[in-house]
Amino acid sequence: MDGIPAGVLSLFIIDTINILGSYLIFVGLGRGPMVEHERRLVGRRWIGVPLYWMMTSAAAWRAVIDLRSKPFFWNKTPLQPTGKRT
């Protein structure tokens, strides 16, 4: 690897191992207490863990930005009334 310095390459490898290891640990801790029936129900949905983490990260950054720009705004989920109150 002529163009990439050794320090940058080693840091990239360490970061990649940390990210993949954290995904494996997260999935392993989730699947560990499951019975076989639950594992079959989850199936290949565990592949979505990186997407889930990216969405969680995006929501957290959005909350930080909203906290800075609109500190007294409550961004709540709009709910429809289910019936009349008495």
PDB file of N, CA and C in Angstrom:
ATOM      1  N   MET A   1       0.837  -1.164   0.000  1.00  0.00           N
ATOM      2  CA  MET A   1       0.000   0.000   0.000  1.00  0.00           C
ATOM      3  C   MET A   1       0.893   1.242   0.000  1.00  0.00           C
ATOM      4  N   ASP A   2       1.213   1.722  -1.169  1.00  0.00           N
ATOM      5  CA  ASP A   2       2.146   2.834  -1.290  1.00  0.00           C
ATOM      6  C   ASP A   2       1.538   4.156  -0.851  1.00  0.00           C
ATOM      7  N   GLY A   3       0.266   4.409  -1.153  1.00  0.00           N
ATOM      8  CA  GLY A   3      -0.317   5.710  -0.903  1.00  0.00           C
ATOM      9  C   GLY A   3      -0.845   5.920   0.504  1.00  0.00           C
ATOM     10  N   ILE A   4      -1.093   4.854   1.254  1.00  0.00           N
ATOM     11  CA  ILE A   4      -1.700   4.979   2.578  1.00  0.00           C
ATOM     12  C   ILE A   4      -0.618   4.813   3.646  1.00  0.00           C
ATOM     13  N   PRO A   5      -0.462   5.824   4.520  1.00  0.00           N
ATOM     14  CA  PRO A   5       0.528   5.683   5.596  1.00  0.00           C
ATOM     15  C   PRO A   5       0.164   4.535   6.541  1.00  0.00           C
ATOM     16  N   ALA A   6       1.160   3.943   7.128  1.00  0.00           N
ATOM     17  CA  ALA A   6       0.954   2.777   8.009  1.00  0.00           C
ATOM     18  C   ALA A   6       0.078   3.130   9.206  1.00  0.00           C
ATOM     19  N   GLY A   7       0.246   4.322   9.761  1.00  0.00           N
ATOM     20  CA  GLY A   7      -0.570   4.726  10.917  1.00  0.00           C
ATOM     21  C   GLY A   7      -2.044   4.841  10.569  1.00  0.00           C
ATOM     22  N   VAL A   8      -2.328   5.394   9.398  1.00  0.00           N
ATOM     23  CA  VAL A   8      -3.717   5.539   8.960  1.00  0.00           C
ATOM     24  C   VAL A   8      -4.322   4.171   8.677  1.00  0.00           C
ATOM     25  N   LEU A   9      -3.579   3.314   8.032  1.00  0.00           N
ATOM     26  CA  LEU A   9      -4.068   1.976   7.715  1.00  0.00           C
ATOM     27  C   LEU A   9      -4.326   1.176   8.990  1.00  0.00           C
ATOM     28  N   SER A  10      -3.416   1.254   9.947  1.00  0.00           N
ATOM     29  CA  SER A  10      -3.620   0.504  11.191  1.00  0.00           C
ATOM     30  C   SER A  10      -4.814   1.055  11.969  1.00  0.00           C
ATOM     31  N   LEU A  11      -5.019   2.369  11.957  1.00  0.00           N
ATOM     32  CA  LEU A  11      -6.175   2.946  12.634  1.00  0.00           C
ATOM     33  C   LEU A  11      -7.472   2.510  11.954  1.00  0.00           C
ATOM     34  N   PHE A  12      -7.471   2.451  10.612  1.00  0.00           N
ATOM     35  CA  PHE A  12      -8.638   1.987   9.874  1.00  0.00           C
ATOM     36  C   PHE A  12      -8.961   0.536  10.219  1.00  0.00           C
ATOM     37  N   ILE A  13      -7.946  -0.298  10.309  1.00  0.00           N
ATOM     38  CA  ILE A  13      -8.156  -1.711  10.640  1.00  0.00           C
ATOM     39  C   ILE A  13      -8.707  -1.856  12.053  1.00  0.00           C
ATOM     40  N   ILE A  14      -8.163  -1.105  12.994  1.00  0.00           N
ATOM     41  CA  ILE A  14      -8.648  -1.157  14.378  1.00  0.00           C
ATOM     42  C   ILE A  14     -10.099  -0.688  14.449  1.00  0.00           C
ATOM     43  N   ASP A  15     -10.433   0.400  13.747  1.00  0.00           N
ATOM     44  CA  ASP A  15     -11.810   0.894  13.732  1.00  0.00           C
ATOM     45  C   ASP A  15     -12.768  -0.130  13.134  1.00  0.00           C
ATOM     46  N   THR A  16     -12.367  -0.756  12.046  1.00  0.00           N
ATOM     47  CA  THR A  16     -13.216  -1.754  11.402  1.00  0.00           C
ATOM     48  C   THR A  16     -13.456  -2.941  12.316  1.00  0.00           C
ATOM     49  N   ILE A  17     -12.418  -3.398  12.983  1.00  0.00           N
ATOM     50  CA  ILE A  17     -12.567  -4.515  13.926  1.00  0.00           C
ATOM     51  C   ILE A  17     -13.487  -4.122  15.080  1.00  0.00           C
ATOM     52  N   ASN A  18     -13.353  -2.901  15.591  1.00  0.00           N
ATOM     53  CA  ASN A  18     -14.219  -2.432  16.680  1.00  0.00           C
ATOM     54  C   ASN A  18     -15.681  -2.377  16.246  1.00  0.00           C
ATOM     55  N   ILE A  19     -15.949  -1.858  15.052  1.00  0.00           N
ATOM     56  CA  ILE A  19     -17.330  -1.758  14.580  1.00  0.00           C
ATOM     57  C   ILE A  19     -17.928  -3.143  14.368  1.00  0.00           C
ATOM     58  N   LEU A  20     -17.227  -4.011  13.660  1.00  0.00           N
ATOM     59  CA  LEU A  20     -17.745  -5.359  13.430  1.00  0.00           C
ATOM     60  C   LEU A  20     -17.899  -6.137  14.735  1.00  0.00           C
ATOM     61  N   GLY A  21     -16.928  -5.976  15.630  1.00  0.00           N
ATOM     62  CA  GLY A  21     -17.020  -6.648  16.933  1.00  0.00           C
ATOM     63  C   GLY A  21     -18.209  -6.167  17.739  1.00  0.00           C
ATOM     64  N   SER A  22     -18.481  -4.873  17.704  1.00  0.00           N
ATOM     65  CA  SER A  22     -19.621  -4.363  18.467  1.00  0.00           C
ATOM     66  C   SER A  22     -20.936  -4.876  17.889  1.00  0.00           C
ATOM     67  N   TYR A  23     -21.047  -4.981  16.563  1.00  0.00           N
ATOM     68  CA  TYR A  23     -22.248  -5.568  15.968  1.00  0.00           C
ATOM     69  C   TYR A  23     -22.412  -7.017  16.405  1.00  0.00           C
ATOM     70  N   LEU A  24     -21.327  -7.783  16.349  1.00  0.00           N
ATOM     71  CA  LEU A  24     -21.408  -9.190  16.733  1.00  0.00           C
ATOM     72  C   LEU A  24     -21.785  -9.357  18.204  1.00  0.00           C
ATOM     73  N   ILE A  25     -21.219  -8.538  19.060  1.00  0.00           N
ATOM     74  CA  ILE A  25     -21.550  -8.612  20.485  1.00  0.00           C
ATOM     75  C   ILE A  25     -23.006  -8.232  20.724  1.00  0.00           C
ATOM     76  N   PHE A  26     -23.482  -7.171  20.052  1.00  0.00           N
ATOM     77  CA  PHE A  26     -24.866  -6.730  20.192  1.00  0.00           C
ATOM     78  C   PHE A  26     -25.835  -7.837  19.786  1.00  0.00           C
ATOM     79  N   VAL A  27     -25.584  -8.441  18.635  1.00  0.00           N
ATOM     80  CA  VAL A  27     -26.451  -9.515  18.148  1.00  0.00           C
ATOM     81  C   VAL A  27     -26.325 -10.743  19.047  1.00  0.00           C
ATOM     82  N   GLY A  28     -25.116 -11.059  19.460  1.00  0.00           N
ATOM     83  CA  GLY A  28     -24.912 -12.223  20.321  1.00  0.00           C
ATOM     84  C   GLY A  28     -25.599 -12.089  21.669  1.00  0.00           C
ATOM     85  N   LEU A  29     -25.523 -10.901  22.265  1.00  0.00           N
ATOM     86  CA  LEU A  29     -26.199 -10.685  23.544  1.00  0.00           C
ATOM     87  C   LEU A  29     -27.716 -10.724  23.382  1.00  0.00           C
ATOM     88  N   GLY A  30     -28.198 -10.303  22.238  1.00  0.00           N
ATOM     89  CA  GLY A  30     -29.637 -10.363  21.999  1.00  0.00           C
ATOM     90  C   GLY A  30     -30.127 -11.778  21.726  1.00  0.00           C
ATOM     91  N   ARG A  31     -29.346 -12.533  20.987  1.00  0.00           N
ATOM     92  CA  ARG A  31     -29.757 -13.895  20.631  1.00  0.00           C
ATOM     93  C   ARG A  31     -29.494 -14.907  21.740  1.00  0.00           C
ATOM     94  N   GLY A  32     -28.568 -14.602  22.631  1.00  0.00           N
ATOM     95  CA  GLY A  32     -28.185 -15.546  23.679  1.00  0.00           C
ATOM     96  C   GLY A  32     -29.333 -16.078  24.513  1.00  0.00           C
ATOM     97  N   PRO A  33     -30.164 -15.206  25.073  1.00  0.00           N
ATOM     98  CA  PRO A  33     -31.247 -15.708  25.932  1.00  0.00           C
ATOM     99  C   PRO A  33     -32.472 -16.222  25.171  1.00  0.00           C
ATOM    100  N   MET A  34     -32.456 -16.146  23.844  1.00  0.00           N
ATOM    101  CA  MET A  34     -33.616 -16.593  23.062  1.00  0.00           C
ATOM    102  C   MET A  34     -33.685 -18.109  22.983  1.00  0.00           C
ATOM    103  N   VAL A  35     -34.913 -18.601  22.907  1.00  0.00           N
ATOM    104  CA  VAL A  35     -35.108 -20.022  22.623  1.00  0.00           C
ATOM    105  C   VAL A  35     -35.090 -20.183  21.103  1.00  0.00           C
ATOM    106  N   GLU A  36     -35.005 -21.395  20.643  1.00  0.00           N
ATOM    107  CA  GLU A  36     -34.857 -21.652  19.207  1.00  0.00           C
ATOM    108  C   GLU A  36     -36.011 -21.076  18.391  1.00  0.00           C
ATOM    109  N   HIS A  37     -37.204 -21.153  18.930  1.00  0.00           N
ATOM    110  CA  HIS A  37     -38.370 -20.611  18.224  1.00  0.00           C
ATOM    111  C   HIS A  37     -38.217 -19.096  18.001  1.00  0.00           C
ATOM    112  N   GLU A  38     -37.746 -18.390  19.007  1.00  0.00           N
ATOM    113  CA  GLU A  38     -37.552 -16.943  18.870  1.00  0.00           C
ATOM    114  C   GLU A  38     -36.447 -16.629  17.865  1.00  0.00           C
ATOM    115  N   ARG A  39     -35.407 -17.423  17.874  1.00  0.00           N
ATOM    116  CA  ARG A  39     -34.322 -17.214  16.901  1.00  0.00           C
ATOM    117  C   ARG A  39     -34.815 -17.378  15.476  1.00  0.00           C
ATOM    118  N   ARG A  40     -35.695 -18.364  15.258  1.00  0.00           N
ATOM    119  CA  ARG A  40     -36.259 -18.552  13.917  1.00  0.00           C
ATOM    120  C   ARG A  40     -37.145 -17.372  13.536  1.00  0.00           C
ATOM    121  N   LEU A  41     -37.882 -16.819  14.501  1.00  0.00           N
ATOM    122  CA  LEU A  41     -38.738 -15.668  14.212  1.00  0.00           C
ATOM    123  C   LEU A  41     -37.908 -14.438  13.834  1.00  0.00           C
ATOM    124  N   VAL A  42     -36.764 -14.262  14.473  1.00  0.00           N
ATOM    125  CA  VAL A  42     -35.894 -13.132  14.145  1.00  0.00           C
ATOM    126  C   VAL A  42     -35.306 -13.337  12.759  1.00  0.00           C
ATOM    127  N   GLY A  43     -34.921 -14.552  12.450  1.00  0.00           N
ATOM    128  CA  GLY A  43     -34.402 -14.876  11.124  1.00  0.00           C
ATOM    129  C   GLY A  43     -33.211 -14.008  10.736  1.00  0.00           C
ATOM    130  N   ARG A  44     -33.301 -13.416   9.572  1.00  0.00           N
ATOM    131  CA  ARG A  44     -32.203 -12.590   9.061  1.00  0.00           C
ATOM    132  C   ARG A  44     -32.398 -11.113   9.380  1.00  0.00           C
ATOM    133  N   ARG A  45     -33.331 -10.786  10.228  1.00  0.00           N
ATOM    134  CA  ARG A  45     -33.550  -9.385  10.583  1.00  0.00           C
ATOM    135  C   ARG A  45     -32.350  -8.777  11.298  1.00  0.00           C
ATOM    136  N   TRP A  46     -31.492  -9.599  11.846  1.00  0.00           N
ATOM    137  CA  TRP A  46     -30.309  -9.079  12.541  1.00  0.00           C
ATOM    138  C   TRP A  46     -29.402  -8.332  11.580  1.00  0.00           C
ATOM    139  N   ILE A  47     -29.564  -8.573  10.282  1.00  0.00           N
ATOM    140  CA  ILE A  47     -28.757  -7.863   9.290  1.00  0.00           C
ATOM    141  C   ILE A  47     -29.069  -6.365   9.321  1.00  0.00           C
ATOM    142  N   GLY A  48     -30.250  -6.007   9.804  1.00  0.00           N
ATOM    143  CA  GLY A  48     -30.649  -4.602   9.883  1.00  0.00           C
ATOM    144  C   GLY A  48     -30.059  -3.843  11.050  1.00  0.00           C
ATOM    145  N   VAL A  49     -29.245  -4.481  11.878  1.00  0.00           N
ATOM    146  CA  VAL A  49     -28.660  -3.810  13.044  1.00  0.00           C
ATOM    147  C   VAL A  49     -27.843  -2.574  12.649  1.00  0.00           C
ATOM    148  N   PRO A  50     -26.992  -2.621  11.641  1.00  0.00           N
ATOM    149  CA  PRO A  50     -26.271  -1.395  11.272  1.00  0.00           C
ATOM    150  C   PRO A  50     -27.203  -0.265  10.846  1.00  0.00           C
ATOM    151  N   LEU A  51     -28.265  -0.582  10.122  1.00  0.00           N
ATOM    152  CA  LEU A  51     -29.237   0.443   9.741  1.00  0.00           C
ATOM    153  C   LEU A  51     -29.937   1.006  10.974  1.00  0.00           C
ATOM    154  N   TYR A  52     -30.295   0.137  11.909  1.00  0.00           N
ATOM    155  CA  TYR A  52     -30.920   0.569  13.157  1.00  0.00           C
ATOM    156  C   TYR A  52     -29.998   1.522  13.909  1.00  0.00           C
ATOM    157  N   TRP A  53     -28.721   1.197  13.996  1.00  0.00           N
ATOM    158  CA  TRP A  53     -27.773   2.059  14.696  1.00  0.00           C
ATOM    159  C   TRP A  53     -27.594   3.395  13.980  1.00  0.00           C
ATOM    160  N   MET A  54     -27.604   3.371  12.642  1.00  0.00           N
ATOM    161  CA  MET A  54     -27.495   4.626  11.890  1.00  0.00           C
ATOM    162  C   MET A  54     -28.726   5.505  12.121  1.00  0.00           C
ATOM    163  N   MET A  55     -29.910   4.912  12.142  1.00  0.00           N
ATOM    164  CA  MET A  55     -31.129   5.693  12.387  1.00  0.00           C
ATOM    165  C   MET A  55     -31.145   6.250  13.808  1.00  0.00           C
ATOM    166  N   THR A  56     -30.690   5.460  14.781  1.00  0.00           N
ATOM    167  CA  THR A  56     -30.611   5.939  16.150  1.00  0.00           C
ATOM    168  C   THR A  56     -29.627   7.091  16.266  1.00  0.00           C
ATOM    169  N   SER A  57     -28.501   6.985  15.599  1.00  0.00           N
ATOM    170  CA  SER A  57     -27.509   8.051  15.605  1.00  0.00           C
ATOM    171  C   SER A  57     -28.055   9.318  14.961  1.00  0.00           C
ATOM    172  N   ALA A  58     -28.742   9.179  13.831  1.00  0.00           N
ATOM    173  CA  ALA A  58     -29.329  10.344  13.161  1.00  0.00           C
ATOM    174  C   ALA A  58     -30.372  11.011  14.048  1.00  0.00           C
ATOM    175  N   ALA A  59     -31.190  10.226  14.737  1.00  0.00           N
ATOM    176  CA  ALA A  59     -32.194  10.796  15.637  1.00  0.00           C
ATOM    177  C   ALA A  59     -31.536  11.529  16.808  1.00  0.00           C
ATOM    178  N   ALA A  60     -30.455  10.968  17.319  1.00  0.00           N
ATOM    179  CA  ALA A  60     -29.754  11.618  18.429  1.00  0.00           C
ATOM    180  C   ALA A  60     -29.141  12.944  17.993  1.00  0.00           C
ATOM    181  N   TRP A  61     -28.521  12.965  16.806  1.00  0.00           N
ATOM    182  CA  TRP A  61     -27.936  14.217  16.308  1.00  0.00           C
ATOM    183  C   TRP A  61     -29.025  15.245  16.022  1.00  0.00           C
ATOM    184  N   ARG A  62     -30.152  14.789  15.499  1.00  0.00           N
ATOM    185  CA  ARG A  62     -31.266  15.715  15.265  1.00  0.00           C
ATOM    186  C   ARG A  62     -31.756  16.299  16.579  1.00  0.00           C
ATOM    187  N   ALA A  63     -31.831  15.482  17.629  1.00  0.00           N
ATOM    188  CA  ALA A  63     -32.257  15.965  18.935  1.00  0.00           C
ATOM    189  C   ALA A  63     -31.270  16.991  19.490  1.00  0.00           C
ATOM    190  N   VAL A  64     -29.979  16.748  19.308  1.00  0.00           N
ATOM    191  CA  VAL A  64     -28.967  17.704  19.784  1.00  0.00           C
ATOM    192  C   VAL A  64     -29.106  19.028  19.044  1.00  0.00           C
ATOM    193  N   ILE A  65     -29.308  18.972  17.731  1.00  0.00           N
ATOM    194  CA  ILE A  65     -29.471  20.195  16.946  1.00  0.00           C
ATOM    195  C   ILE A  65     -30.747  20.924  17.361  1.00  0.00           C
ATOM    196  N   ASP A  66     -31.845  20.182  17.548  1.00  0.00           N
ATOM    197  CA  ASP A  66     -33.094  20.795  17.998  1.00  0.00           C
ATOM    198  C   ASP A  66     -32.954  21.396  19.381  1.00  0.00           C
ATOM    199  N   LEU A  67     -32.214  20.740  20.246  1.00  0.00           N
ATOM    200  CA  LEU A  67     -32.001  21.269  21.592  1.00  0.00           C
ATOM    201  C   LEU A  67     -31.265  22.600  21.546  1.00  0.00           C
ATOM    202  N   ARG A  68     -30.344  22.712  20.630  1.00  0.00           N
ATOM    203  CA  ARG A  68     -29.583  23.967  20.491  1.00  0.00           C
ATOM    204  C   ARG A  68     -30.416  25.052  19.810  1.00  0.00           C
ATOM    205  N   SER A  69     -31.160  24.703  18.755  1.00  0.00           N
ATOM    206  CA  SER A  69     -31.890  25.712  17.995  1.00  0.00           C
ATOM    207  C   SER A  69     -33.275  26.015  18.571  1.00  0.00           C
ATOM    208  N   LYS A  70     -33.936  25.024  19.176  1.00  0.00           N
ATOM    209  CA  LYS A  70     -35.279  25.210  19.749  1.00  0.00           C
ATOM    210  C   LYS A  70     -35.318  24.556  21.138  1.00  0.00           C
ATOM    211  N   PRO A  71     -34.697  25.177  22.145  1.00  0.00           N
ATOM    212  CA  PRO A  71     -34.544  24.497  23.438  1.00  0.00           C
ATOM    213  C   PRO A  71     -35.853  24.247  24.188  1.00  0.00           C
ATOM    214  N   PHE A  72     -36.905  25.006  23.932  1.00  0.00           N
ATOM    215  CA  PHE A  72     -38.147  24.823  24.678  1.00  0.00           C
ATOM    216  C   PHE A  72     -39.258  24.196  23.836  1.00  0.00           C
ATOM    217  N   PHE A  73     -38.901  23.619  22.692  1.00  0.00           N
ATOM    218  CA  PHE A  73     -39.864  22.974  21.805  1.00  0.00           C
ATOM    219  C   PHE A  73     -39.912  21.490  22.118  1.00  0.00           C
ATOM    220  N   TRP A  74     -41.124  20.971  22.236  1.00  0.00           N
ATOM    221  CA  TRP A  74     -41.307  19.544  22.496  1.00  0.00           C
ATOM    222  C   TRP A  74     -41.773  18.897  21.206  1.00  0.00           C
ATOM    223  N   ASN A  75     -40.922  18.160  20.544  1.00  0.00           N
ATOM    224  CA  ASN A  75     -41.237  17.507  19.282  1.00  0.00           C
ATOM    225  C   ASN A  75     -41.888  16.168  19.591  1.00  0.00           C
ATOM    226  N   LYS A  76     -43.185  16.187  19.784  1.00  0.00           N
ATOM    227  CA  LYS A  76     -43.882  14.972  20.196  1.00  0.00           C
ATOM    228  C   LYS A  76     -44.622  14.340  19.030  1.00  0.00           C
ATOM    229  N   THR A  77     -44.950  13.079  19.169  1.00  0.00           N
ATOM    230  CA  THR A  77     -45.678  12.346  18.143  1.00  0.00           C
ATOM    231  C   THR A  77     -47.128  12.799  18.145  1.00  0.00           C
ATOM    232  N   PRO A  78     -47.668  13.198  16.982  1.00  0.00           N
ATOM    233  CA  PRO A  78     -49.074  13.603  16.945  1.00  0.00           C
ATOM    234  C   PRO A  78     -49.982  12.378  17.108  1.00  0.00           C
ATOM    235  N   LEU A  79     -50.892  12.469  18.037  1.00  0.00           N
ATOM    236  CA  LEU A  79     -51.809  11.366  18.311  1.00  0.00           C
ATOM    237  C   LEU A  79     -53.231  11.831  18.034  1.00  0.00           C
ATOM    238  N   GLN A  80     -54.039  10.927  17.518  1.00  0.00           N
ATOM    239  CA  GLN A  80     -55.443  11.218  17.264  1.00  0.00           C
ATOM    240  C   GLN A  80     -56.255  10.758  18.460  1.00  0.00           C
ATOM    241  N   PRO A  81     -57.245  11.555  18.881  1.00  0.00           N
ATOM    242  CA  PRO A  81     -58.110  11.108  19.987  1.00  0.00           C
ATOM    243  C   PRO A  81     -58.840   9.821  19.617  1.00  0.00           C
ATOM    244  N   THR A  82     -58.952   8.929  20.579  1.00  0.00           N
ATOM    245  CA  THR A  82     -59.611   7.648  20.315  1.00  0.00           C
ATOM    246  C   THR A  82     -61.080   7.666  20.721  1.00  0.00           C
ATOM    247  N   GLY A  83     -61.484   8.606  21.501  1.00  0.00           N
ATOM    248  CA  GLY A  83     -62.888   8.669  21.940  1.00  0.00           C
ATOM    249  C   GLY A  83     -63.139   9.958  22.691  1.00  0.00           C
ATOM    250  N   LYS A  84     -64.413  10.185  23.056  1.00  0.00           N
ATOM    251  CA  LYS A  84     -64.751  11.392  23.796  1.00  0.00           C
ATOM    252  C   LYS A  84     -64.395  11.228  25.261  1.00  0.00           C
ATOM    253  N   ARG A  85     -63.919  12.325  25.815  1.00  0.00           N
ATOM    254  CA  ARG A  85     -63.648  12.348  27.251  1.00  0.00           C
ATOM    255  C   ARG A  85     -64.898  12.733  27.986  1.00  0.00           C
ATOM    256  N   THR A  86     -65.133  12.082  29.086  1.00  0.00           N
ATOM    257  CA  THR A  86     -66.323  12.449  29.881  1.00  0.00           C
ATOM    258  C   THR A  86     -65.948  13.102  31.154  1.00  0.00           C
TER     259      THR A  86
END
